[in-house]
C-alpha atoms as a PDB file:
ATOM      1  CA  MET A   1     -18.763 108.987   8.093  1.00  0.00           C
ATOM      2  CA  SER A   2     -21.036 106.007   7.660  1.00  0.00           C
ATOM      3  CA  SER A   3     -20.272 103.330   5.120  1.00  0.00           C
ATOM      4  CA  THR A   4     -23.403 104.268   3.169  1.00  0.00           C
ATOM      5  CA  GLU A   5     -21.874 107.674   2.376  1.00  0.00           C
ATOM      6  CA  LEU A   6     -18.764 106.294   0.712  1.00  0.00           C
ATOM      7  CA  PRO A   7     -18.733 106.709  -3.077  1.00  0.00           C
ATOM      8  CA  SER A   8     -19.405 103.695  -5.226  1.00  0.00           C
ATOM      9  CA  VAL A   9     -16.329 104.349  -7.360  1.00  0.00           C
ATOM     10  CA  PRO A  10     -14.222 101.461  -8.652  1.00  0.00           C
ATOM     11  CA  PRO A  11     -10.589 101.237  -7.549  1.00  0.00           C
ATOM     12  CA  THR A  12      -8.134 103.409  -9.458  1.00  0.00           C
ATOM     13  CA  SER A  13      -6.594 100.327 -11.053  1.00  0.00           C
ATOM     14  CA  VAL A  14      -9.808  99.483 -12.903  1.00  0.00           C
ATOM     15  CA  LEU A  15     -11.030 102.962 -13.843  1.00  0.00           C
ATOM     16  CA  PRO A  16     -11.682 103.335 -17.579  1.00  0.00           C
ATOM     17  CA  LYS A  17      -9.079 105.207 -19.579  1.00  0.00           C
ATOM     18  CA  ALA A  18     -10.410 108.633 -20.560  1.00  0.00           C
ATOM     19  CA  ALA A  19      -9.303 110.656 -23.559  1.00  0.00           C
ATOM     20  CA  ALA A  20      -5.865 112.200 -23.377  1.00  0.00           C
ATOM     21  CA  VAL A  21      -5.403 115.445 -21.474  1.00  0.00           C
ATOM     22  CA  ARG A  22      -4.272 118.396 -23.562  1.00  0.00           C
ATOM     23  CA  VAL A  23      -0.626 119.354 -23.167  1.00  0.00           C
ATOM     24  CA  ALA A  24       0.276 122.809 -24.453  1.00  0.00           C
ATOM     25  CA  GLU A  25       3.466 123.497 -26.369  1.00  0.00           C
ATOM     26  CA  GLY A  26       6.431 123.396 -24.024  1.00  0.00           C
ATOM     27  CA  GLU A  27       4.579 121.464 -21.312  1.00  0.00           C
ATOM     28  CA  ARG A  28       5.045 117.955 -19.973  1.00  0.00           C
ATOM     29  CA  LEU A  29       2.800 115.701 -17.897  1.00  0.00           C
ATOM     30  CA  ARG A  30       3.946 113.041 -15.487  1.00  0.00           C
ATOM     31  CA  SER A  31       2.326 110.923 -12.794  1.00  0.00           C
ATOM     32  CA  VAL A  32       3.736 110.803  -9.261  1.00  0.00           C
ATOM     33  CA  GLY A  33       2.701 108.071  -6.828  1.00  0.00           C
ATOM     34  CA  LEU A  34       2.586 109.121  -3.170  1.00  0.00           C
ATOM     35  CA  PRO A  35       1.144 107.518  -0.029  1.00  0.00           C
ATOM     36  CA  GLY A  36      -2.642 107.547  -0.499  1.00  0.00           C
ATOM     37  CA  VAL A  37      -2.674 109.624  -3.694  1.00  0.00           C
ATOM     38  CA  THR A  38      -1.409 109.688  -7.255  1.00  0.00           C
ATOM     39  CA  LEU A  39      -0.851 113.173  -8.651  1.00  0.00           C
ATOM     40  CA  THR A  40      -0.497 114.343 -12.222  1.00  0.00           C
ATOM     41  CA  ILE A  41       2.069 117.138 -12.517  1.00  0.00           C
ATOM     42  CA  ARG A  42       2.192 119.573 -15.439  1.00  0.00           C
ATOM     43  CA  SER A  43       5.571 121.224 -15.907  1.00  0.00           C
ATOM     44  CA  ARG A  44       7.606 123.426 -18.184  1.00  0.00           C
ATOM     45  CA  PRO A  45      11.311 122.689 -18.669  1.00  0.00           C
ATOM     46  CA  PRO A  46      13.281 125.440 -16.893  1.00  0.00           C
ATOM     47  CA  ALA A  47      14.651 128.099 -19.245  1.00  0.00           C
ATOM     48  CA  ARG A  48      18.002 127.748 -17.492  1.00  0.00           C
ATOM     49  CA  GLU A  49      19.646 126.032 -14.558  1.00  0.00           C
ATOM     50  CA  GLY A  50      19.182 127.350 -11.056  1.00  0.00           C
ATOM     51  CA  LEU A  51      15.730 128.915 -11.392  1.00  0.00           C
ATOM     52  CA  PRO A  52      13.688 128.868  -8.166  1.00  0.00           C
ATOM     53  CA  PRO A  53      10.857 126.305  -8.200  1.00  0.00           C
ATOM     54  CA  ALA A  54       7.178 127.272  -8.321  1.00  0.00           C
ATOM     55  CA  LEU A  55       4.054 125.168  -7.752  1.00  0.00           C
ATOM     56  CA  PHE A  56       0.558 126.129  -8.936  1.00  0.00           C
ATOM     57  CA  VAL A  57      -2.664 124.818  -7.312  1.00  0.00           C
ATOM     58  CA  HIS A  58      -5.970 125.136  -9.190  1.00  0.00           C
ATOM     59  CA  GLY A  59      -9.471 125.856  -7.939  1.00  0.00           C
ATOM     60  CA  LEU A  60     -12.709 123.900  -7.550  1.00  0.00           C
ATOM     61  CA  GLY A  61     -13.588 122.071 -10.750  1.00  0.00           C
ATOM     62  CA  GLY A  62     -10.371 123.257 -12.397  1.00  0.00           C
ATOM     63  CA  SER A  63      -7.095 121.608 -13.262  1.00  0.00           C
ATOM     64  CA  SER A  64      -3.445 122.358 -13.838  1.00  0.00           C
ATOM     65  CA  GLN A  65      -4.409 123.650 -17.295  1.00  0.00           C
ATOM     66  CA  ASN A  66      -5.791 126.766 -15.607  1.00  0.00           C
ATOM     67  CA  TRP A  67      -2.199 127.904 -15.048  1.00  0.00           C
ATOM     68  CA  SER A  68      -0.755 127.232 -18.514  1.00  0.00           C
ATOM     69  CA  ALA A  69      -0.875 130.858 -19.705  1.00  0.00           C
ATOM     70  CA  LEU A  70       0.742 132.236 -16.555  1.00  0.00           C
ATOM     71  CA  MET A  71       3.361 129.490 -16.422  1.00  0.00           C
ATOM     72  CA  ALA A  72       4.453 130.290 -19.983  1.00  0.00           C
ATOM     73  CA  LEU A  73       4.826 133.981 -19.097  1.00  0.00           C
ATOM     74  CA  LEU A  74       7.034 133.112 -16.125  1.00  0.00           C
ATOM     75  CA  ASP A  75       9.578 131.164 -18.169  1.00  0.00           C
ATOM     76  CA  GLY A  76      12.984 132.464 -17.177  1.00  0.00           C
ATOM     77  CA  ALA A  77      11.751 133.587 -13.754  1.00  0.00           C
ATOM     78  CA  VAL A  78      10.791 130.284 -12.090  1.00  0.00           C
ATOM     79  CA  ALA A  79      10.798 126.551 -12.807  1.00  0.00           C
ATOM     80  CA  SER A  80       7.054 125.953 -13.068  1.00  0.00           C
ATOM     81  CA  GLU A  81       5.010 122.934 -12.047  1.00  0.00           C
ATOM     82  CA  ALA A  82       1.241 122.722 -11.619  1.00  0.00           C
ATOM     83  CA  VAL A  83      -0.586 119.960  -9.781  1.00  0.00           C
ATOM     84  CA  ASP A  84      -3.897 118.269 -10.556  1.00  0.00           C
ATOM     85  CA  LEU A  85      -5.437 117.850  -7.114  1.00  0.00           C
ATOM     86  CA  PRO A  86      -6.768 114.338  -6.336  1.00  0.00           C
ATOM     87  CA  GLY A  87      -9.926 113.664  -8.361  1.00  0.00           C
ATOM     88  CA  PHE A  88      -9.361 116.604 -10.730  1.00  0.00           C
ATOM     89  CA  GLY A  89      -7.621 117.022 -14.053  1.00  0.00           C
ATOM     90  CA  ASP A  90      -5.765 113.786 -14.739  1.00  0.00           C
ATOM     91  CA  SER A  91      -5.264 112.768 -11.090  1.00  0.00           C
ATOM     92  CA  PRO A  92      -7.372 109.832  -9.860  1.00  0.00           C
ATOM     93  CA  PRO A  93      -9.394 110.061  -6.632  1.00  0.00           C
ATOM     94  CA  PRO A  94      -7.581 109.784  -3.296  1.00  0.00           C
ATOM     95  CA  ASP A  95      -7.518 106.276  -1.847  1.00  0.00           C
ATOM     96  CA  ASP A  96      -9.523 107.312   1.233  1.00  0.00           C
ATOM     97  CA  GLY A  97     -12.105 109.486  -0.561  1.00  0.00           C
ATOM     98  CA  ASN A  98     -11.081 112.482   1.553  1.00  0.00           C
ATOM     99  CA  TYR A  99     -11.470 115.778  -0.331  1.00  0.00           C
ATOM    100  CA  SER A 100     -11.146 118.166   2.612  1.00  0.00           C
ATOM    101  CA  ILE A 101      -8.934 121.256   2.500  1.00  0.00           C
ATOM    102  CA  THR A 102      -6.603 119.502   4.922  1.00  0.00           C
ATOM    103  CA  ALA A 103      -6.403 116.419   2.681  1.00  0.00           C
ATOM    104  CA  HIS A 104      -5.668 118.504  -0.416  1.00  0.00           C
ATOM    105  CA  ALA A 105      -3.019 120.438   1.541  1.00  0.00           C
ATOM    106  CA  ARG A 106      -1.540 117.139   2.742  1.00  0.00           C
ATOM    107  CA  ALA A 107      -1.256 115.953  -0.877  1.00  0.00           C
ATOM    108  CA  VAL A 108       0.624 119.135  -1.832  1.00  0.00           C
ATOM    109  CA  ILE A 109       2.925 118.787   1.184  1.00  0.00           C
ATOM    110  CA  ARG A 110       3.595 115.120   0.432  1.00  0.00           C
ATOM    111  CA  TYR A 111       4.559 116.013  -3.119  1.00  0.00           C
ATOM    112  CA  LEU A 112       6.930 118.785  -2.031  1.00  0.00           C
ATOM    113  CA  ASP A 113       8.481 116.602   0.657  1.00  0.00           C
ATOM    114  CA  ALA A 114       8.901 113.656  -1.718  1.00  0.00           C
ATOM    115  CA  THR A 115      10.531 115.704  -4.475  1.00  0.00           C
ATOM    116  CA  GLY A 116      12.563 118.004  -2.251  1.00  0.00           C
ATOM    117  CA  ARG A 117      11.587 121.022  -4.367  1.00  0.00           C
ATOM    118  CA  GLY A 118      10.718 123.247  -1.427  1.00  0.00           C
ATOM    119  CA  PRO A 119      10.750 125.992  -0.592  1.00  0.00           C
ATOM    120  CA  VAL A 120       8.680 126.957  -3.642  1.00  0.00           C
ATOM    121  CA  HIS A 121       6.881 130.005  -4.897  1.00  0.00           C
ATOM    122  CA  LEU A 122       3.362 128.722  -4.211  1.00  0.00           C
ATOM    123  CA  PHE A 123       0.351 129.882  -6.252  1.00  0.00           C
ATOM    124  CA  GLY A 124      -3.307 129.107  -5.512  1.00  0.00           C
ATOM    125  CA  ASN A 125      -6.640 130.057  -7.058  1.00  0.00           C
ATOM    126  CA  SER A 126     -10.014 129.777  -5.297  1.00  0.00           C
ATOM    127  CA  LEU A 127     -10.073 126.372  -3.552  1.00  0.00           C
ATOM    128  CA  GLY A 128      -6.367 126.152  -4.357  1.00  0.00           C
ATOM    129  CA  GLY A 129      -5.929 129.469  -2.547  1.00  0.00           C
ATOM    130  CA  ALA A 130      -7.396 127.988   0.624  1.00  0.00           C
ATOM    131  CA  VAL A 131      -5.225 124.891   0.213  1.00  0.00           C
ATOM    132  CA  SER A 132      -2.098 126.995  -0.358  1.00  0.00           C
ATOM    133  CA  THR A 133      -2.869 129.184   2.648  1.00  0.00           C
ATOM    134  CA  ARG A 134      -3.009 126.087   4.843  1.00  0.00           C
ATOM    135  CA  VAL A 135       0.230 124.731   3.373  1.00  0.00           C
ATOM    136  CA  ALA A 136       2.028 128.039   3.975  1.00  0.00           C
ATOM    137  CA  ALA A 137       0.731 128.235   7.548  1.00  0.00           C
ATOM    138  CA  VAL A 138       1.581 124.720   8.683  1.00  0.00           C
ATOM    139  CA  ARG A 139       4.783 124.241   6.645  1.00  0.00           C
ATOM    140  CA  PRO A 140       6.468 127.632   6.286  1.00  0.00           C
ATOM    141  CA  ASP A 141       9.691 125.845   5.363  1.00  0.00           C
ATOM    142  CA  LEU A 142       8.091 124.800   2.056  1.00  0.00           C
ATOM    143  CA  VAL A 143       6.990 128.254   0.852  1.00  0.00           C
ATOM    144  CA  ARG A 144       9.178 131.137  -0.371  1.00  0.00           C
ATOM    145  CA  THR A 145       6.346 133.381  -1.526  1.00  0.00           C
ATOM    146  CA  LEU A 146       2.590 132.946  -1.737  1.00  0.00           C
ATOM    147  CA  THR A 147       0.438 134.225  -4.612  1.00  0.00           C
ATOM    148  CA  LEU A 148      -3.316 133.897  -4.125  1.00  0.00           C
ATOM    149  CA  VAL A 149      -5.816 134.617  -6.905  1.00  0.00           C
ATOM    150  CA  SER A 150      -9.331 135.028  -5.494  1.00  0.00           C
ATOM    151  CA  PRO A 151      -8.599 132.693  -2.562  1.00  0.00           C
ATOM    152  CA  ALA A 152     -11.642 130.903  -1.151  1.00  0.00           C
ATOM    153  CA  LEU A 153     -11.430 132.209   2.410  1.00  0.00           C
ATOM    154  CA  PRO A 154     -14.545 132.321   4.628  1.00  0.00           C
ATOM    155  CA  GLU A 155     -17.030 135.138   4.025  1.00  0.00           C
ATOM    156  CA  LEU A 156     -19.750 136.111   6.477  1.00  0.00           C
ATOM    157  CA  ARG A 157     -21.970 137.393   3.680  1.00  0.00           C
ATOM    158  CA  VAL A 158     -21.650 135.104   0.691  1.00  0.00           C
ATOM    159  CA  GLN A 159     -22.547 136.575  -2.687  1.00  0.00           C
ATOM    160  CA  ARG A 160     -25.851 135.336  -4.062  1.00  0.00           C
ATOM    161  CA  THR A 161     -24.102 134.363  -7.297  1.00  0.00           C
ATOM    162  CA  ALA A 162     -21.924 131.936  -5.318  1.00  0.00           C
ATOM    163  CA  VAL A 163     -24.814 130.134  -3.605  1.00  0.00           C
ATOM    164  CA  PRO A 164     -25.555 127.602  -6.401  1.00  0.00           C
ATOM    165  CA  THR A 165     -21.906 126.502  -6.388  1.00  0.00           C
ATOM    166  CA  GLY A 166     -22.041 125.984  -2.638  1.00  0.00           C
ATOM    167  CA  LEU A 167     -25.195 123.890  -2.953  1.00  0.00           C
ATOM    168  CA  VAL A 168     -23.237 121.317  -4.974  1.00  0.00           C
ATOM    169  CA  GLY A 169     -21.606 120.343  -1.687  1.00  0.00           C
ATOM    170  CA  LEU A 170     -24.880 119.170  -0.151  1.00  0.00           C
ATOM    171  CA  PRO A 171     -25.359 115.384  -0.188  1.00  0.00           C
ATOM    172  CA  GLY A 172     -27.304 114.289  -3.250  1.00  0.00           C
ATOM    173  CA  VAL A 173     -27.372 117.694  -4.963  1.00  0.00           C
ATOM    174  CA  ALA A 174     -24.568 116.918  -7.416  1.00  0.00           C
ATOM    175  CA  ALA A 175     -26.271 113.681  -8.470  1.00  0.00           C
ATOM    176  CA  LEU A 176     -29.586 115.518  -8.843  1.00  0.00           C
ATOM    177  CA  PHE A 177     -27.980 118.283 -10.890  1.00  0.00           C
ATOM    178  CA  SER A 178     -26.307 115.670 -13.075  1.00  0.00           C
ATOM    179  CA  ARG A 179     -29.681 114.067 -13.811  1.00  0.00           C
ATOM    180  CA  LEU A 180     -31.458 117.385 -14.405  1.00  0.00           C
ATOM    181  CA  THR A 181     -28.794 118.575 -16.825  1.00  0.00           C
ATOM    182  CA  ARG A 182     -28.305 115.279 -18.642  1.00  0.00           C
ATOM    183  CA  GLU A 183     -29.451 116.838 -21.920  1.00  0.00           C
ATOM    184  CA  TRP A 184     -27.080 119.807 -21.681  1.00  0.00           C
ATOM    185  CA  THR A 185     -24.270 119.815 -24.203  1.00  0.00           C
ATOM    186  CA  ALA A 186     -20.670 120.317 -23.134  1.00  0.00           C
ATOM    187  CA  GLU A 187     -20.768 123.650 -24.958  1.00  0.00           C
ATOM    188  CA  GLN A 188     -23.713 124.809 -22.838  1.00  0.00           C
ATOM    189  CA  ARG A 189     -21.978 123.735 -19.643  1.00  0.00           C
ATOM    190  CA  VAL A 190     -18.736 125.490 -20.569  1.00  0.00           C
ATOM    191  CA  ARG A 191     -20.561 128.716 -21.445  1.00  0.00           C
ATOM    192  CA  GLY A 192     -22.193 128.608 -18.030  1.00  0.00           C
ATOM    193  CA  VAL A 193     -18.875 128.112 -16.259  1.00  0.00           C
ATOM    194  CA  LEU A 194     -17.194 130.885 -18.255  1.00  0.00           C
ATOM    195  CA  GLY A 195     -20.079 133.239 -17.501  1.00  0.00           C
ATOM    196  CA  LEU A 196     -19.615 132.526 -13.798  1.00  0.00           C
ATOM    197  CA  CYS A 197     -15.813 132.628 -13.666  1.00  0.00           C
ATOM    198  CA  TYR A 198     -14.805 135.323 -16.157  1.00  0.00           C
ATOM    199  CA  GLY A 199     -15.377 139.054 -15.788  1.00  0.00           C
ATOM    200  CA  ASP A 200     -15.769 139.136 -19.571  1.00  0.00           C
ATOM    201  CA  PRO A 201     -16.316 135.730 -21.201  1.00  0.00           C
ATOM    202  CA  GLY A 202     -15.669 137.429 -24.534  1.00  0.00           C
ATOM    203  CA  ARG A 203     -11.966 137.372 -23.704  1.00  0.00           C
ATOM    204  CA  VAL A 204     -11.947 133.599 -24.227  1.00  0.00           C
ATOM    205  CA  SER A 205     -10.652 132.804 -27.692  1.00  0.00           C
ATOM    206  CA  PRO A 206     -12.501 130.298 -29.901  1.00  0.00           C
ATOM    207  CA  GLU A 207      -9.513 127.973 -29.586  1.00  0.00           C
ATOM    208  CA  ALA A 208      -9.528 128.164 -25.782  1.00  0.00           C
ATOM    209  CA  PHE A 209     -13.291 127.565 -25.756  1.00  0.00           C
ATOM    210  CA  ARG A 210     -12.847 124.456 -27.911  1.00  0.00           C
ATOM    211  CA  TYR A 211     -10.142 123.150 -25.595  1.00  0.00           C
ATOM    212  CA  ALA A 212     -12.412 123.743 -22.577  1.00  0.00           C
ATOM    213  CA  VAL A 213     -15.248 121.818 -24.220  1.00  0.00           C
ATOM    214  CA  GLU A 214     -12.942 118.906 -25.066  1.00  0.00           C
ATOM    215  CA  GLU A 215     -11.646 118.785 -21.497  1.00  0.00           C
ATOM    216  CA  LEU A 216     -15.141 118.833 -20.004  1.00  0.00           C
ATOM    217  CA  GLU A 217     -16.280 116.085 -22.362  1.00  0.00           C
ATOM    218  CA  ARG A 218     -13.313 114.016 -21.212  1.00  0.00           C
ATOM    219  CA  ARG A 219     -13.989 114.585 -17.524  1.00  0.00           C
ATOM    220  CA  LEU A 220     -17.703 113.858 -17.799  1.00  0.00           C
ATOM    221  CA  THR A 221     -16.750 110.302 -18.814  1.00  0.00           C
ATOM    222  CA  LEU A 222     -14.965 109.785 -15.497  1.00  0.00           C
ATOM    223  CA  PRO A 223     -17.130 107.879 -12.982  1.00  0.00           C
ATOM    224  CA  TYR A 224     -15.880 110.009 -10.076  1.00  0.00           C
ATOM    225  CA  PHE A 225     -16.339 113.448 -11.696  1.00  0.00           C
ATOM    226  CA  TRP A 226     -19.420 114.562  -9.750  1.00  0.00           C
ATOM    227  CA  ASP A 227     -18.285 112.882  -6.552  1.00  0.00           C
ATOM    228  CA  ALA A 228     -14.944 114.713  -6.553  1.00  0.00           C
ATOM    229  CA  LEU A 229     -16.677 118.012  -7.266  1.00  0.00           C
ATOM    230  CA  SER A 230     -19.335 117.633  -4.572  1.00  0.00           C
ATOM    231  CA  ARG A 231     -16.974 116.310  -1.902  1.00  0.00           C
ATOM    232  CA  SER A 232     -14.398 119.043  -2.545  1.00  0.00           C
ATOM    233  CA  THR A 233     -17.161 121.646  -2.314  1.00  0.00           C
ATOM    234  CA  ARG A 234     -18.295 120.081   0.947  1.00  0.00           C
ATOM    235  CA  GLY A 235     -14.713 120.075   2.199  1.00  0.00           C
ATOM    236  CA  LEU A 236     -14.366 123.775   1.429  1.00  0.00           C
ATOM    237  CA  LEU A 237     -17.638 124.633   3.167  1.00  0.00           C
ATOM    238  CA  SER A 238     -16.594 122.564   6.185  1.00  0.00           C
ATOM    239  CA  ALA A 239     -13.328 124.491   6.387  1.00  0.00           C
ATOM    240  CA  TYR A 240     -15.356 127.719   6.554  1.00  0.00           C
ATOM    241  CA  THR A 241     -16.908 126.562   9.841  1.00  0.00           C
ATOM    242  CA  LEU A 242     -13.657 125.689  11.611  1.00  0.00           C
ATOM    243  CA  GLY A 243     -12.601 127.925  14.467  1.00  0.00           C
ATOM    244  CA  GLY A 244      -9.496 128.320  16.581  1.00  0.00           C
ATOM    245  CA  GLN A 245      -6.101 127.444  15.175  1.00  0.00           C
ATOM    246  CA  HIS A 246      -7.680 125.592  12.245  1.00  0.00           C
ATOM    247  CA  SER A 247      -9.597 128.643  11.023  1.00  0.00           C
ATOM    248  CA  LEU A 248      -8.419 129.663   7.563  1.00  0.00           C
ATOM    249  CA  TRP A 249      -8.281 133.316   8.635  1.00  0.00           C
ATOM    250  CA  ARG A 250      -6.221 132.389  11.701  1.00  0.00           C
ATOM    251  CA  GLN A 251      -3.908 130.410   9.454  1.00  0.00           C
ATOM    252  CA  ALA A 252      -3.653 133.348   7.061  1.00  0.00           C
ATOM    253  CA  GLU A 253      -2.333 135.411   9.984  1.00  0.00           C
ATOM    254  CA  ARG A 254       0.349 132.763  10.598  1.00  0.00           C
ATOM    255  CA  VAL A 255       1.731 132.871   7.049  1.00  0.00           C
ATOM    256  CA  LEU A 256       5.297 134.169   7.085  1.00  0.00           C
ATOM    257  CA  ALA A 257       5.940 134.201   3.332  1.00  0.00           C
ATOM    258  CA  PRO A 258       5.622 137.451   1.363  1.00  0.00           C
ATOM    259  CA  THR A 259       2.153 137.268  -0.178  1.00  0.00           C
ATOM    260  CA  LEU A 260       0.661 138.656  -3.391  1.00  0.00           C
ATOM    261  CA  LEU A 261      -3.140 138.876  -3.311  1.00  0.00           C
ATOM    262  CA  VAL A 262      -5.076 139.199  -6.577  1.00  0.00           C
ATOM    263  CA  TYR A 263      -8.780 140.061  -6.621  1.00  0.00           C
ATOM    264  CA  GLY A 264     -11.190 140.723  -9.494  1.00  0.00           C
ATOM    265  CA  GLY A 265     -13.848 143.413  -9.353  1.00  0.00           C
ATOM    266  CA  ARG A 266     -16.317 141.236 -11.281  1.00  0.00           C
ATOM    267  CA  ASP A 267     -15.722 138.056  -9.288  1.00  0.00           C
ATOM    268  CA  GLN A 268     -19.057 136.289  -8.769  1.00  0.00           C
ATOM    269  CA  LEU A 269     -17.666 133.621  -6.420  1.00  0.00           C
ATOM    270  CA  VAL A 270     -15.325 135.486  -4.047  1.00  0.00           C
ATOM    271  CA  GLY A 271     -16.446 138.911  -2.898  1.00  0.00           C
ATOM    272  CA  PHE A 272     -14.246 141.802  -4.049  1.00  0.00           C
ATOM    273  CA  ARG A 273     -14.779 143.323  -0.605  1.00  0.00           C
ATOM    274  CA  MET A 274     -12.656 140.506   0.835  1.00  0.00           C
ATOM    275  CA  ALA A 275      -9.532 142.017  -0.734  1.00  0.00           C
ATOM    276  CA  GLN A 276      -8.949 144.488   2.079  1.00  0.00           C
ATOM    277  CA  ARG A 277      -9.612 141.912   4.778  1.00  0.00           C
ATOM    278  CA  SER A 278      -7.072 139.584   3.178  1.00  0.00           C
ATOM    279  CA  ALA A 279      -4.519 142.380   2.912  1.00  0.00           C
ATOM    280  CA  ARG A 280      -4.868 142.927   6.662  1.00  0.00           C
ATOM    281  CA  ALA A 281      -4.776 139.225   7.538  1.00  0.00           C
ATOM    282  CA  PHE A 282      -1.575 138.287   5.684  1.00  0.00           C
ATOM    283  CA  ARG A 283       1.215 140.031   7.561  1.00  0.00           C
ATOM    284  CA  ASP A 284       3.552 140.631   4.602  1.00  0.00           C
ATOM    285  CA  SER A 285       1.158 141.249   1.743  1.00  0.00           C
ATOM    286  CA  ARG A 286       0.670 143.332  -1.354  1.00  0.00           C
ATOM    287  CA  LEU A 287      -2.643 143.670  -3.171  1.00  0.00           C
ATOM    288  CA  LEU A 288      -3.403 143.682  -6.896  1.00  0.00           C
ATOM    289  CA  THR A 289      -6.993 144.569  -7.774  1.00  0.00           C
ATOM    290  CA  LEU A 290      -8.274 144.149 -11.318  1.00  0.00           C
ATOM    291  CA  PRO A 291     -11.677 145.881 -11.668  1.00  0.00           C
ATOM    292  CA  ASP A 292     -12.674 144.036 -14.856  1.00  0.00           C
ATOM    293  CA  ALA A 293     -11.440 140.567 -13.874  1.00  0.00           C
ATOM    294  CA  GLY A 294     -13.586 137.743 -12.587  1.00  0.00           C
ATOM    295  CA  HIS A 295     -12.624 134.699 -10.537  1.00  0.00           C
ATOM    296  CA  VAL A 296      -9.669 133.517 -12.637  1.00  0.00           C
ATOM    297  CA  ALA A 297      -7.525 136.596 -13.161  1.00  0.00           C
ATOM    298  CA  MET A 298      -4.489 134.460 -14.042  1.00  0.00           C
ATOM    299  CA  MET A 299      -6.432 133.259 -17.102  1.00  0.00           C
ATOM    300  CA  GLU A 300      -8.054 136.586 -18.017  1.00  0.00           C
ATOM    301  CA  TYR A 301      -5.088 138.881 -17.364  1.00  0.00           C
ATOM    302  CA  PRO A 302      -2.038 136.604 -17.201  1.00  0.00           C
ATOM    303  CA  ASP A 303       0.350 139.382 -18.292  1.00  0.00           C
ATOM    304  CA  THR A 304      -0.714 141.633 -15.416  1.00  0.00           C
ATOM    305  CA  VAL A 305      -0.507 138.848 -12.850  1.00  0.00           C
ATOM    306  CA  ALA A 306       2.897 137.767 -14.207  1.00  0.00           C
ATOM    307  CA  LEU A 307       4.224 141.314 -13.927  1.00  0.00           C
ATOM    308  CA  ALA A 308       2.991 141.622 -10.331  1.00  0.00           C
ATOM    309  CA  PHE A 309       4.633 138.325  -9.405  1.00  0.00           C
ATOM    310  CA  ARG A 310       7.910 139.321 -11.060  1.00  0.00           C
ATOM    311  CA  ASP A 311       7.859 142.486  -8.923  1.00  0.00           C
ATOM    312  CA  LEU A 312       7.299 140.355  -5.815  1.00  0.00           C
ATOM    313  CA  LEU A 313      10.104 138.039  -6.883  1.00  0.00           C
ATOM    314  CA  ALA A 314      12.505 140.921  -7.450  1.00  0.00           C
ATOM    315  CA  ASP A 315      11.673 142.568  -4.132  1.00  0.00           C
ATOM    316  CA  THR A 316      12.012 139.268  -2.287  1.00  0.00           C
ATOM    317  CA  ALA A 317      15.375 138.580  -3.904  1.00  0.00           C
ATOM    318  CA  SER A 318      16.691 142.058  -3.042  1.00  0.00           C
ATOM    319  CA  ALA A 319      15.547 141.646   0.568  1.00  0.00           C
ATOM    320  CA  THR A 320      17.408 138.337   0.939  1.00  0.00           C
ATOM    321  CA  PRO A 321      20.853 138.890   2.470  1.00  0.00           C
ATOM    322  CA  GLU A 322      23.833 137.580   0.520  1.00  0.00           C
ATOM    323  CA  GLY A 323      25.560 134.469   1.798  1.00  0.00           C
END
């Protein structure tokens, strides 16, 4: 990468302080400094001692808040933590400006190694699904089970509705889009995102919509917002072109952990037809299909996803020999 391509973003130490991130009832936020990255971790105090740990990884443009509903429903089953990937949510950009799938996976691995929480029940949505797949493939010792909601794995025939999102990864497009949409209100932007990500945007409560608008307004003040989004998109598209052992589908075949796959019938970003291919690729998998869900089933149908995970958890526990 030439020096002219590096983002003109000030060092983390001098970035302006944005508005506070929302913390739902029962949640806590903390910042964890690791080599090359600083991660914000959202957690829920365990309902009791001895619960197995779980880590949740959000998708492109999302944050740890995307998992709040599901995390609350899993109280008593797991000790939940959700990560803001570098440059998203409340986590600052990575020191080296690297937003590739490998770099995001490395950040997750560094966190798990540093805290000694592994093996965890690992969850991933969209981009986070690709990241989690790579983590499970290269570090099977860190993953007990894998739950993937609309994972962003390579498709030969990309849906037309997903093309505009992919274009954000092209150099200069994010900056152009930012200029062209300068007059858009946060409400307009959020409605567009919900229309793209939800099977039925009407399921979003007025309160949740207001929270989403407040969060977007906060993130639009961050000088690295568009850069993080465009570079992560580019990193995802680059991962789609990798072959051999680094192919995401090849890595999916290497995953040893029992895997729950969740796909929505109205997903406009990940093709519903990919559900069967994923079920074949992951060697120990079960498939949950939700015909009316979109790209974020854990936000649209958290009760259903929670129930499916609890079934996976129970079956995994019963299959584990005593002693």
